[in-house]
C-alpha atoms as a PDB file:
ATOM      1  CA  MET A   1    -228.932 -17.054  28.437  1.00  0.00           C
ATOM      2  CA  GLU A   2    -227.345 -18.714  31.439  1.00  0.00           C
ATOM      3  CA  ASN A   3    -224.967 -16.667  33.614  1.00  0.00           C
ATOM      4  CA  ILE A   4    -221.374 -17.822  33.412  1.00  0.00           C
ATOM      5  CA  ASN A   5    -218.890 -16.707  36.047  1.00  0.00           C
ATOM      6  CA  LEU A   6    -215.425 -18.045  35.292  1.00  0.00           C
ATOM      7  CA  SER A   7    -212.583 -17.836  37.778  1.00  0.00           C
ATOM      8  CA  LYS A   8    -209.068 -16.975  36.642  1.00  0.00           C
ATOM      9  CA  LYS A   9    -208.172 -20.661  36.951  1.00  0.00           C
ATOM     10  CA  GLU A  10    -211.140 -21.649  34.766  1.00  0.00           C
ATOM     11  CA  ILE A  11    -210.199 -19.055  32.134  1.00  0.00           C
ATOM     12  CA  LEU A  12    -206.666 -20.454  31.996  1.00  0.00           C
ATOM     13  CA  GLU A  13    -208.107 -23.972  31.760  1.00  0.00           C
ATOM     14  CA  ARG A  14    -210.290 -22.873  28.825  1.00  0.00           C
ATOM     15  CA  ILE A  15    -207.245 -21.457  27.095  1.00  0.00           C
ATOM     16  CA  GLY A  16    -205.544 -24.820  27.669  1.00  0.00           C
ATOM     17  CA  TYR A  17    -208.588 -26.584  26.246  1.00  0.00           C
ATOM     18  CA  PHE A  18    -208.459 -24.532  23.049  1.00  0.00           C
ATOM     19  CA  ARG A  19    -204.651 -24.874  22.871  1.00  0.00           C
ATOM     20  CA  ASP A  20    -205.116 -28.655  22.953  1.00  0.00           C
ATOM     21  CA  ILE A  21    -207.767 -28.561  20.224  1.00  0.00           C
ATOM     22  CA  LYS A  22    -205.584 -26.336  18.021  1.00  0.00           C
ATOM     23  CA  LYS A  23    -202.466 -28.326  18.977  1.00  0.00           C
ATOM     24  CA  ILE A  24    -200.547 -25.203  20.042  1.00  0.00           C
ATOM     25  CA  SER A  25    -198.137 -25.610  22.941  1.00  0.00           C
ATOM     26  CA  ALA A  26    -197.687 -22.998  25.665  1.00  0.00           C
ATOM     27  CA  TYR A  27    -194.148 -22.570  24.278  1.00  0.00           C
ATOM     28  CA  LYS A  28    -195.450 -21.791  20.779  1.00  0.00           C
ATOM     29  CA  LEU A  29    -198.177 -19.536  22.131  1.00  0.00           C
ATOM     30  CA  GLY A  30    -195.606 -17.494  24.050  1.00  0.00           C
ATOM     31  CA  MET A  31    -193.525 -17.144  20.902  1.00  0.00           C
ATOM     32  CA  GLU A  32    -196.612 -16.198  18.824  1.00  0.00           C
ATOM     33  CA  LEU A  33    -197.340 -13.494  21.392  1.00  0.00           C
ATOM     34  CA  GLY A  34    -193.853 -12.105  20.707  1.00  0.00           C
ATOM     35  CA  HIS A  35    -192.360 -13.087  24.043  1.00  0.00           C
ATOM     36  CA  SER A  36    -189.996 -15.708  25.418  1.00  0.00           C
ATOM     37  CA  LYS A  37    -190.647 -19.423  25.162  1.00  0.00           C
ATOM     38  CA  THR A  38    -191.606 -19.531  28.865  1.00  0.00           C
ATOM     39  CA  TYR A  39    -193.907 -16.501  28.749  1.00  0.00           C
ATOM     40  CA  PHE A  40    -197.206 -18.358  28.577  1.00  0.00           C
ATOM     41  CA  TYR A  41    -196.073 -20.945  31.136  1.00  0.00           C
ATOM     42  CA  ARG A  42    -195.494 -18.015  33.474  1.00  0.00           C
ATOM     43  CA  ILE A  43    -199.026 -16.748  32.791  1.00  0.00           C
ATOM     44  CA  GLU A  44    -200.464 -20.211  33.485  1.00  0.00           C
ATOM     45  CA  SER A  45    -198.533 -20.425  36.756  1.00  0.00           C
ATOM     46  CA  GLY A  46    -199.753 -16.994  37.868  1.00  0.00           C
ATOM     47  CA  GLU A  47    -196.292 -15.431  37.776  1.00  0.00           C
ATOM     48  CA  ILE A  48    -197.436 -13.010  35.046  1.00  0.00           C
ATOM     49  CA  GLN A  49    -200.897 -11.454  35.186  1.00  0.00           C
ATOM     50  CA  LEU A  50    -203.257 -12.376  32.352  1.00  0.00           C
ATOM     51  CA  THR A  51    -204.541  -9.065  31.024  1.00  0.00           C
ATOM     52  CA  LEU A  52    -207.487  -8.459  28.758  1.00  0.00           C
ATOM     53  CA  ASP A  53    -205.127  -7.471  25.933  1.00  0.00           C
ATOM     54  CA  ILE A  54    -203.161 -10.712  26.288  1.00  0.00           C
ATOM     55  CA  LEU A  55    -206.362 -12.758  26.444  1.00  0.00           C
ATOM     56  CA  LEU A  56    -207.654 -11.140  23.248  1.00  0.00           C
ATOM     57  CA  ASP A  57    -204.295 -11.754  21.530  1.00  0.00           C
ATOM     58  CA  VAL A  58    -204.385 -15.400  22.653  1.00  0.00           C
ATOM     59  CA  LEU A  59    -207.911 -15.854  21.311  1.00  0.00           C
ATOM     60  CA  GLU A  60    -206.859 -14.318  17.998  1.00  0.00           C
ATOM     61  CA  ILE A  61    -203.892 -16.692  17.717  1.00  0.00           C
ATOM     62  CA  LEU A  62    -206.104 -19.652  18.624  1.00  0.00           C
ATOM     63  CA  GLN A  63    -208.788 -18.404  16.202  1.00  0.00           C
ATOM     64  CA  VAL A  64    -211.445 -18.517  18.920  1.00  0.00           C
ATOM     65  CA  THR A  65    -214.109 -15.837  19.206  1.00  0.00           C
ATOM     66  CA  THR A  66    -214.942 -14.296  22.554  1.00  0.00           C
ATOM     67  CA  THR A  67    -218.428 -15.787  22.203  1.00  0.00           C
ATOM     68  CA  GLU A  68    -216.996 -19.289  21.705  1.00  0.00           C
ATOM     69  CA  PHE A  69    -214.676 -18.746  24.656  1.00  0.00           C
ATOM     70  CA  PHE A  70    -217.159 -17.339  27.166  1.00  0.00           C
ATOM     71  CA  CYS A  71    -220.528 -18.625  25.918  1.00  0.00           C
ATOM     72  CA  PRO A  72    -220.121 -22.050  24.400  1.00  0.00           C
ATOM     73  CA  THR A  73    -223.295 -23.598  23.100  1.00  0.00           C
ATOM     74  CA  LEU A  74    -223.900 -27.195  23.988  1.00  0.00           C
ATOM     75  CA  LYS A  75    -225.991 -29.714  22.147  1.00  0.00           C
ATOM     76  CA  GLU A  76    -228.504 -31.688  24.191  1.00  0.00           C
ATOM     77  CA  ASP A  77    -226.316 -34.827  24.177  1.00  0.00           C
ATOM     78  CA  ASP A  78    -223.371 -32.771  25.464  1.00  0.00           C
ATOM     79  CA  LYS A  79    -225.484 -31.394  28.313  1.00  0.00           C
ATOM     80  CA  ILE A  80    -226.541 -34.920  29.285  1.00  0.00           C
ATOM     81  CA  LEU A  81    -222.921 -36.099  29.260  1.00  0.00           C
ATOM     82  CA  LEU A  82    -221.794 -33.157  31.364  1.00  0.00           C
ATOM     83  CA  ASP A  83    -224.540 -33.749  33.903  1.00  0.00           C
ATOM     84  CA  MET A  84    -223.548 -37.415  34.153  1.00  0.00           C
ATOM     85  CA  ILE A  85    -219.851 -36.550  34.506  1.00  0.00           C
ATOM     86  CA  LYS A  86    -220.544 -34.015  37.270  1.00  0.00           C
ATOM     87  CA  ASN A  87    -221.787 -36.833  39.502  1.00  0.00           C
ATOM     88  CA  LEU A  88    -218.683 -39.016  39.081  1.00  0.00           C
ATOM     89  CA  SER A  89    -215.837 -39.300  41.557  1.00  0.00           C
ATOM     90  CA  SER A  90    -212.590 -37.481  40.761  1.00  0.00           C
ATOM     91  CA  GLU A  91    -210.961 -40.796  39.929  1.00  0.00           C
ATOM     92  CA  ASN A  92    -213.715 -41.748  37.487  1.00  0.00           C
ATOM     93  CA  LYS A  93    -213.598 -38.279  35.896  1.00  0.00           C
ATOM     94  CA  LYS A  94    -209.870 -38.755  35.301  1.00  0.00           C
ATOM     95  CA  THR A  95    -210.545 -42.172  33.740  1.00  0.00           C
ATOM     96  CA  ILE A  96    -213.128 -40.653  31.376  1.00  0.00           C
ATOM     97  CA  LEU A  97    -210.730 -37.824  30.470  1.00  0.00           C
ATOM     98  CA  ASP A  98    -207.906 -40.278  29.748  1.00  0.00           C
ATOM     99  CA  LEU A  99    -210.233 -42.333  27.561  1.00  0.00           C
ATOM    100  CA  ILE A 100    -211.378 -39.270  25.601  1.00  0.00           C
ATOM    101  CA  LYS A 101    -207.756 -38.223  25.022  1.00  0.00           C
ATOM    102  CA  LYS A 102    -206.978 -41.682  23.640  1.00  0.00           C
ATOM    103  CA  LEU A 103    -209.992 -41.567  21.331  1.00  0.00           C
ATOM    104  CA  ARG A 104    -208.944 -38.251  19.775  1.00  0.00           C
END
């Protein structure tokens, strides 16, 4: 198994990724966690510390296992796409991302 070292920023980005897939806003996630409507925005901005307990609660709400979150498995085609995307300029990466969002 490949080692995965995620930064705090990358963990928050993964949460955002799964929020997008599940179509749950930061507002709704904060409310589901039993806090104010701005609670999760404040976590994303770094104003409130993301704790392990909060992360586990978030994953439960998003119905994502810790394995899915930290150790995603990629199909061969996905690996090829990721390798190709890694070599693109930031502008081209944004173009690809915008296109993918439109296709969803």
